[in-house]
Structure formats: structure tokens, C-alpha cells
N, C-alpha and C. Protein backbone atom coordinates (compact mmCIF):
# COMPACT_ATOMS: atom_id res chain seq x y z
N MET A 1 -7.14 13.17 -8.98
CA MET A 1 -7.50 12.21 -9.53
C MET A 1 -7.92 11.33 -7.94
N THR A 2 -8.08 10.54 -8.26
CA THR A 2 -8.46 9.30 -6.83
C THR A 2 -7.94 7.74 -7.03
N TRP A 3 -6.19 7.80 -7.63
CA TRP A 3 -6.57 7.04 -8.42
C TRP A 3 -5.54 6.22 -7.14
N LEU A 4 -4.49 7.36 -6.95
CA LEU A 4 -4.39 6.91 -5.62
C LEU A 4 -4.63 6.09 -4.07
N ARG A 5 -6.13 6.78 -3.58
CA ARG A 5 -6.10 6.01 -2.76
C ARG A 5 -7.33 4.56 -3.42
N ALA A 6 -7.75 4.52 -5.38
CA ALA A 6 -8.08 3.54 -4.83
C ALA A 6 -6.81 1.93 -5.52
N ARG A 7 -5.68 2.34 -5.24
CA ARG A 7 -4.92 1.48 -5.98
C ARG A 7 -4.58 0.70 -5.47
N GLY A 8 -3.96 0.55 -4.05
CA GLY A 8 -4.25 -0.60 -3.48
C GLY A 8 -5.32 -2.07 -3.39
N LEU A 9 -6.67 -1.25 -3.50
CA LEU A 9 -7.46 -2.00 -3.17
C LEU A 9 -7.94 -2.68 -5.31
N LEU A 10 -6.82 -2.18 -5.58
CA LEU A 10 -7.48 -2.64 -7.18
C LEU A 10 -7.20 -3.07 -7.96
N LEU A 11 -5.26 -2.95 -6.80
CA LEU A 11 -4.47 -4.36 -7.84
C LEU A 11 -4.16 -5.03 -7.59
N PRO A 12 -5.53 -5.42 -6.11
CA PRO A 12 -4.95 -7.42 -6.96
C PRO A 12 -6.00 -7.61 -7.50
N ALA A 13 -6.25 -7.13 -8.46
CA ALA A 13 -7.31 -7.83 -9.47
C ALA A 13 -7.06 -7.35 -10.77
N LEU A 14 -6.60 -6.16 -11.10
CA LEU A 14 -5.69 -5.78 -12.13
C LEU A 14 -4.35 -6.92 -12.43
N GLU A 15 -4.64 -7.86 -13.31
CA GLU A 15 -3.87 -8.16 -14.27
C GLU A 15 -2.27 -7.78 -14.38
N GLU A 16 -0.69 -8.13 -14.33
CA GLU A 16 -0.05 -6.75 -14.35
C GLU A 16 0.78 -6.67 -15.24
N GLY A 17 0.46 -5.36 -14.93
CA GLY A 17 1.30 -4.67 -16.38
C GLY A 17 -0.01 -3.70 -16.61
N ASP A 18 -1.21 -4.02 -16.33
CA ASP A 18 -2.01 -3.80 -17.18
C ASP A 18 -2.55 -2.27 -16.55
N GLU A 19 -1.23 -1.44 -15.08
CA GLU A 19 -1.85 -0.36 -14.28
C GLU A 19 -1.72 1.36 -15.20
N ALA A 20 -0.99 0.93 -16.57
CA ALA A 20 -0.25 1.80 -17.22
C ALA A 20 -2.03 3.32 -17.90
N SER A 21 -2.13 1.10 -18.34
CA SER A 21 -3.65 1.67 -19.49
C SER A 21 -4.71 2.14 -18.59
N LEU A 22 -4.70 1.32 -17.40
CA LEU A 22 -6.00 1.62 -16.77
C LEU A 22 -5.89 3.07 -15.79
N VAL A 23 -5.12 3.29 -15.30
CA VAL A 23 -5.08 5.22 -15.10
C VAL A 23 -4.65 5.77 -16.65
N GLU A 24 -4.55 5.67 -17.78
CA GLU A 24 -5.01 6.21 -18.39
C GLU A 24 -6.48 6.26 -19.12
N ALA A 25 -6.58 5.47 -18.71
CA ALA A 25 -8.56 5.09 -19.09
C ALA A 25 -8.67 6.16 -18.32
N LEU A 26 -8.75 5.75 -17.37
CA LEU A 26 -9.43 6.72 -15.86
C LEU A 26 -9.35 8.83 -16.27
N ARG A 27 -8.32 8.48 -16.65
CA ARG A 27 -7.78 10.00 -16.68
C ARG A 27 -8.81 10.21 -17.99
N CYS A 28 -8.72 9.72 -19.13
CA CYS A 28 -9.14 9.78 -20.77
C CYS A 28 -10.79 9.80 -20.81
N GLY A 29 -10.90 9.63 -19.65
CA GLY A 29 -13.32 9.38 -19.62
C GLY A 29 -13.06 7.82 -19.56
N LEU A 30 -12.50 7.36 -20.68
CA LEU A 30 -12.55 5.88 -20.91
C LEU A 30 -13.94 5.14 -20.19
N ALA A 31 -12.61 5.05 -18.32
CA ALA A 31 -13.47 4.20 -17.79
C ALA A 31 -13.46 5.25 -16.72
N GLN A 32 -14.53 5.06 -15.55
CA GLN A 32 -15.20 5.12 -14.04
C GLN A 32 -14.20 5.04 -13.26
N LEU A 33 -14.23 5.54 -11.89
CA LEU A 33 -14.30 4.63 -10.55
C LEU A 33 -14.65 5.82 -9.79
N TRP A 34 -15.64 4.07 -8.77
CA TRP A 34 -16.32 4.49 -8.91
C TRP A 34 -15.47 4.36 -7.21
N LEU A 35 -15.52 4.87 -5.57
CA LEU A 35 -14.76 5.00 -4.50
C LEU A 35 -15.55 5.06 -3.18
N GLY A 36 -16.21 4.34 -2.28
CA GLY A 36 -16.01 4.08 -1.67
C GLY A 36 -14.41 4.10 -0.08
N GLN A 37 -15.11 4.23 0.67
CA GLN A 37 -14.20 4.22 2.14
C GLN A 37 -13.15 3.42 2.54
N ARG A 38 -13.19 2.63 1.42
CA ARG A 38 -12.77 0.21 1.79
C ARG A 38 -12.75 -0.08 1.04
N SER A 39 -13.35 0.24 0.03
CA SER A 39 -13.61 -0.59 -1.53
C SER A 39 -13.87 0.79 -3.01
N ALA A 40 -13.68 -0.41 -4.14
CA ALA A 40 -13.88 -0.26 -5.73
C ALA A 40 -13.99 -0.29 -6.73
N LEU A 41 -14.70 0.55 -7.49
CA LEU A 41 -14.98 -0.62 -8.59
C LEU A 41 -14.04 0.35 -10.07
N VAL A 42 -13.95 -0.32 -11.43
CA VAL A 42 -13.58 0.59 -11.80
C VAL A 42 -14.87 0.03 -13.42
N THR A 43 -15.35 0.92 -13.67
CA THR A 43 -16.24 0.21 -15.09
C THR A 43 -16.10 1.60 -16.56
N GLN A 44 -16.73 0.58 -17.36
CA GLN A 44 -16.21 0.69 -19.03
C GLN A 44 -17.52 1.53 -18.86
N MET A 45 -18.33 2.26 -20.60
CA MET A 45 -19.29 1.91 -21.36
C MET A 45 -18.69 1.39 -22.68
N THR A 46 -19.63 0.26 -23.10
CA THR A 46 -19.38 -0.70 -23.78
C THR A 46 -19.75 0.03 -25.08
N VAL A 47 -19.10 0.10 -26.71
CA VAL A 47 -19.71 0.26 -28.26
C VAL A 47 -21.73 -0.92 -28.42
N GLN A 48 -22.06 -1.83 -27.56
CA GLN A 48 -22.38 -2.21 -27.07
C GLN A 48 -23.58 -1.30 -26.65
N ARG A 49 -23.56 -0.06 -25.40
CA ARG A 49 -24.10 0.18 -24.78
C ARG A 49 -24.41 0.52 -23.71
N GLU A 50 -22.86 -0.86 -22.96
CA GLU A 50 -23.88 -1.04 -21.88
C GLU A 50 -23.01 -1.38 -20.95
N ILE A 51 -22.41 -0.56 -19.53
CA ILE A 51 -21.44 -0.11 -19.02
C ILE A 51 -21.23 -1.95 -17.95
N HIS A 52 -19.74 -1.88 -18.48
CA HIS A 52 -19.56 -3.46 -17.96
C HIS A 52 -18.26 -2.52 -16.46
N VAL A 53 -18.55 -3.99 -15.65
CA VAL A 53 -17.71 -3.56 -14.61
C VAL A 53 -17.05 -4.19 -14.63
N TRP A 54 -15.68 -3.54 -14.52
CA TRP A 54 -14.32 -4.10 -15.36
C TRP A 54 -13.55 -4.77 -13.96
N LEU A 55 -12.86 -3.58 -12.68
CA LEU A 55 -12.54 -4.54 -11.59
C LEU A 55 -13.64 -3.83 -10.23
N ALA A 56 -13.48 -4.78 -9.87
CA ALA A 56 -13.91 -4.02 -8.04
C ALA A 56 -13.31 -4.55 -7.17
N GLY A 57 -12.55 -3.88 -5.80
CA GLY A 57 -11.79 -4.57 -4.68
C GLY A 57 -11.97 -3.93 -3.49
N GLY A 58 -11.74 -4.67 -3.12
CA GLY A 58 -12.01 -3.73 -1.03
C GLY A 58 -12.75 -4.33 -0.34
N ASP A 59 -13.83 -3.69 -0.22
CA ASP A 59 -14.89 -4.35 1.20
C ASP A 59 -15.91 -5.07 0.06
N MET A 60 -16.23 -6.40 0.87
CA MET A 60 -17.48 -6.39 -0.25
C MET A 60 -18.81 -6.64 -0.09
N ALA A 61 -18.81 -6.30 1.21
CA ALA A 61 -20.42 -5.28 0.99
C ALA A 61 -20.08 -3.83 0.85
N GLU A 62 -18.81 -3.06 1.02
CA GLU A 62 -19.22 -2.17 0.65
C GLU A 62 -19.14 -1.48 -1.03
N ILE A 63 -18.55 -2.30 -2.05
CA ILE A 63 -18.66 -3.23 -2.69
C ILE A 63 -20.26 -2.87 -3.81
N LEU A 64 -20.52 -3.72 -2.64
CA LEU A 64 -22.66 -3.80 -3.51
C LEU A 64 -23.43 -2.73 -2.85
N THR A 65 -22.62 -1.77 -2.57
CA THR A 65 -23.22 -0.53 -1.65
C THR A 65 -22.61 1.00 -3.05
N LEU A 66 -22.28 -0.37 -3.98
CA LEU A 66 -21.19 1.15 -5.08
C LEU A 66 -21.97 1.31 -6.56
N VAL A 67 -22.78 -0.66 -6.86
CA VAL A 67 -23.33 -1.04 -7.71
C VAL A 67 -24.16 -0.09 -8.68
N PRO A 68 -25.45 -0.15 -7.30
CA PRO A 68 -26.45 0.83 -7.62
C PRO A 68 -26.54 2.39 -8.62
N GLY A 69 -24.76 2.61 -8.10
CA GLY A 69 -24.83 4.01 -8.65
C GLY A 69 -23.97 4.25 -10.09
N ALA A 70 -22.98 2.74 -9.82
CA ALA A 70 -23.22 2.87 -11.68
C ALA A 70 -23.49 2.48 -12.38
N GLU A 71 -25.03 1.44 -12.18
CA GLU A 71 -26.09 1.09 -12.69
C GLU A 71 -27.13 2.46 -12.92
N ALA A 72 -27.03 3.49 -12.13
CA ALA A 72 -27.80 4.44 -12.27
C ALA A 72 -27.45 5.52 -13.18
N TRP A 73 -26.43 6.12 -13.32
CA TRP A 73 -25.06 6.55 -14.24
C TRP A 73 -25.77 6.10 -15.16
N GLY A 74 -24.77 4.45 -15.65
CA GLY A 74 -24.91 4.34 -16.93
C GLY A 74 -26.50 4.05 -17.94
N ARG A 75 -27.38 3.74 -16.63
CA ARG A 75 -29.13 4.05 -17.10
C ARG A 75 -28.68 5.32 -18.05
N ALA A 76 -28.90 6.47 -17.01
CA ALA A 76 -28.85 7.60 -17.45
C ALA A 76 -28.67 7.80 -19.12
N LEU A 77 -26.66 7.31 -19.24
CA LEU A 77 -26.44 7.76 -20.27
C LEU A 77 -27.48 6.36 -21.08
N GLY A 78 -28.24 5.99 -21.07
CA GLY A 78 -28.53 5.01 -22.55
C GLY A 78 -28.50 3.36 -22.10
N CYS A 79 -27.82 3.38 -21.55
CA CYS A 79 -27.37 2.09 -21.01
C CYS A 79 -28.10 0.77 -21.43
N THR A 80 -28.33 -0.21 -22.01
CA THR A 80 -29.94 -1.07 -21.42
C THR A 80 -28.98 -2.27 -20.01
N HIS A 81 -27.93 -2.89 -20.20
CA HIS A 81 -27.88 -3.49 -19.55
C HIS A 81 -26.68 -2.75 -19.18
N VAL A 82 -25.96 -3.74 -17.60
CA VAL A 82 -24.99 -4.06 -16.95
C VAL A 82 -24.05 -5.17 -16.75
N THR A 83 -22.89 -5.20 -17.00
CA THR A 83 -21.94 -6.82 -17.58
C THR A 83 -20.74 -7.01 -16.65
N VAL A 84 -20.54 -7.83 -15.90
CA VAL A 84 -19.62 -8.38 -15.04
C VAL A 84 -19.43 -9.68 -15.11
N ASP A 85 -17.69 -9.52 -15.32
CA ASP A 85 -16.63 -10.33 -15.14
C ASP A 85 -15.90 -10.96 -14.74
N GLY A 86 -15.50 -12.35 -14.00
CA GLY A 86 -14.91 -12.14 -13.22
C GLY A 86 -14.79 -13.43 -12.33
N ARG A 87 -14.40 -14.05 -10.70
CA ARG A 87 -14.35 -15.28 -10.44
C ARG A 87 -15.09 -15.25 -10.24
N ALA A 88 -16.07 -16.53 -9.75
CA ALA A 88 -17.89 -17.51 -10.15
C ALA A 88 -18.47 -17.05 -8.53
N GLY A 89 -17.13 -16.35 -7.86
CA GLY A 89 -18.45 -16.00 -7.12
C GLY A 89 -18.89 -14.85 -6.90
N TRP A 90 -19.11 -13.85 -7.95
CA TRP A 90 -19.28 -13.04 -8.08
C TRP A 90 -20.75 -12.71 -7.98
N ALA A 91 -21.00 -14.23 -8.91
CA ALA A 91 -22.42 -14.92 -9.54
C ALA A 91 -23.19 -15.29 -8.44
N ARG A 92 -22.78 -15.94 -7.40
CA ARG A 92 -23.21 -16.07 -6.34
C ARG A 92 -24.05 -14.57 -4.98
N VAL A 93 -22.84 -13.75 -5.21
CA VAL A 93 -23.47 -12.84 -4.69
C VAL A 93 -24.01 -11.49 -5.85
N LEU A 94 -24.03 -11.44 -6.70
CA LEU A 94 -24.64 -10.34 -7.18
C LEU A 94 -26.13 -10.34 -7.56
N LYS A 95 -26.15 -12.26 -7.45
CA LYS A 95 -28.00 -13.06 -8.11
C LYS A 95 -28.35 -12.09 -7.30
N ARG A 96 -28.55 -11.57 -5.61
CA ARG A 96 -29.80 -10.75 -5.10
C ARG A 96 -29.74 -9.34 -5.24
N LEU A 97 -28.44 -8.91 -6.97
CA LEU A 97 -28.89 -7.72 -7.19
C LEU A 97 -29.83 -7.75 -8.92
N GLY A 98 -30.23 -9.19 -9.27
CA GLY A 98 -30.36 -9.34 -10.40
C GLY A 98 -30.02 -8.97 -11.50
N TYR A 99 -28.58 -9.96 -11.25
CA TYR A 99 -27.86 -10.11 -12.36
C TYR A 99 -28.05 -11.76 -12.37
N ARG A 100 -27.58 -12.41 -13.87
CA ARG A 100 -27.58 -13.73 -14.76
C ARG A 100 -26.48 -14.42 -15.29
N PRO A 101 -25.88 -15.40 -14.69
CA PRO A 101 -25.79 -16.03 -16.61
C PRO A 101 -25.39 -14.93 -17.59
N ASP A 102 -24.74 -14.77 -18.36
CA ASP A 102 -25.22 -15.36 -20.00
C ASP A 102 -23.51 -15.58 -20.79
N GLY A 103 -22.75 -16.94 -20.65
CA GLY A 103 -21.39 -16.88 -20.80
C GLY A 103 -21.35 -17.22 -19.26
N ALA A 104 -20.40 -16.05 -20.42
CA ALA A 104 -18.58 -16.57 -19.60
C ALA A 104 -18.86 -15.70 -17.66
N ILE A 105 -20.23 -14.29 -18.96
CA ILE A 105 -20.11 -13.71 -17.29
C ILE A 105 -22.09 -13.12 -17.58
N LEU A 106 -21.74 -12.16 -16.06
CA LEU A 106 -23.03 -12.05 -15.44
C LEU A 106 -23.97 -10.65 -16.79
N ARG A 107 -25.00 -10.84 -16.21
CA ARG A 107 -25.17 -8.83 -17.62
C ARG A 107 -26.39 -9.47 -17.01
N LYS A 108 -27.68 -8.30 -16.49
CA LYS A 108 -28.56 -7.46 -16.21
C LYS A 108 -28.66 -7.01 -16.41
N VAL A 109 -30.32 -6.69 -16.97
CA VAL A 109 -31.27 -5.03 -17.45
C VAL A 109 -30.63 -4.85 -17.38
N LEU A 110 -31.00 -2.90 -17.24
CA LEU A 110 -31.79 -1.72 -16.16
C LEU A 110 -32.75 -1.78 -16.25
């Protein structure tokens, strides 16, 4: 597993004590790791058939290059939307990729 490469990038975004749960979700295929050279994303498919960006960390420009691959993966599995929750700054950054506020989360139609 490439978690050791991503660990330092994602731990700052992870709530304390959740690392073991994240590693288990990755191991079981309940979460997906998208790894770049200087960044990483973790996604999950929801019961509503949406792909949800759970965590992101590292180089912002590279994170944005990982997003289309995660979206395409979700689309291929029948997902109709992608969602993101996180800091308010993500709304500004992801707006140019088609993400719009939907309550406390950002949402994009796939």
C-alpha cells in the first residue's frame, strides 16, 4: 500500500485518532487513494452513488490534477455527483472546476 508515501501529506487533514480507520478503509477498498508526487486525495463512494473527496493534502496545483481522475473513476462506476467538504477556501479553488456550494458541502454534477 502506498499509504506510507501519502501519510505525511494527509495526516494534517485527518482528525486525531482516525488514521487506523482510514488505513483499514483503504485496505478493504472502502476508500481510494489518489497519489501524486507531492499530494494525495482520499475518496469514498457513498450510498447515494456519489464520489466523496474525504481528504486532500499536499501541493494545491497537483491536487487539482488528481481530481479529474477521481471524477472519471466515479463516473465509470455510475456516480452522478462528486462532493467535497472541508475548509471554506476549497469553494474558491474548486469553483473553476464546476463545484458549487450545496449547504455545507461542495457538489459537482458528473
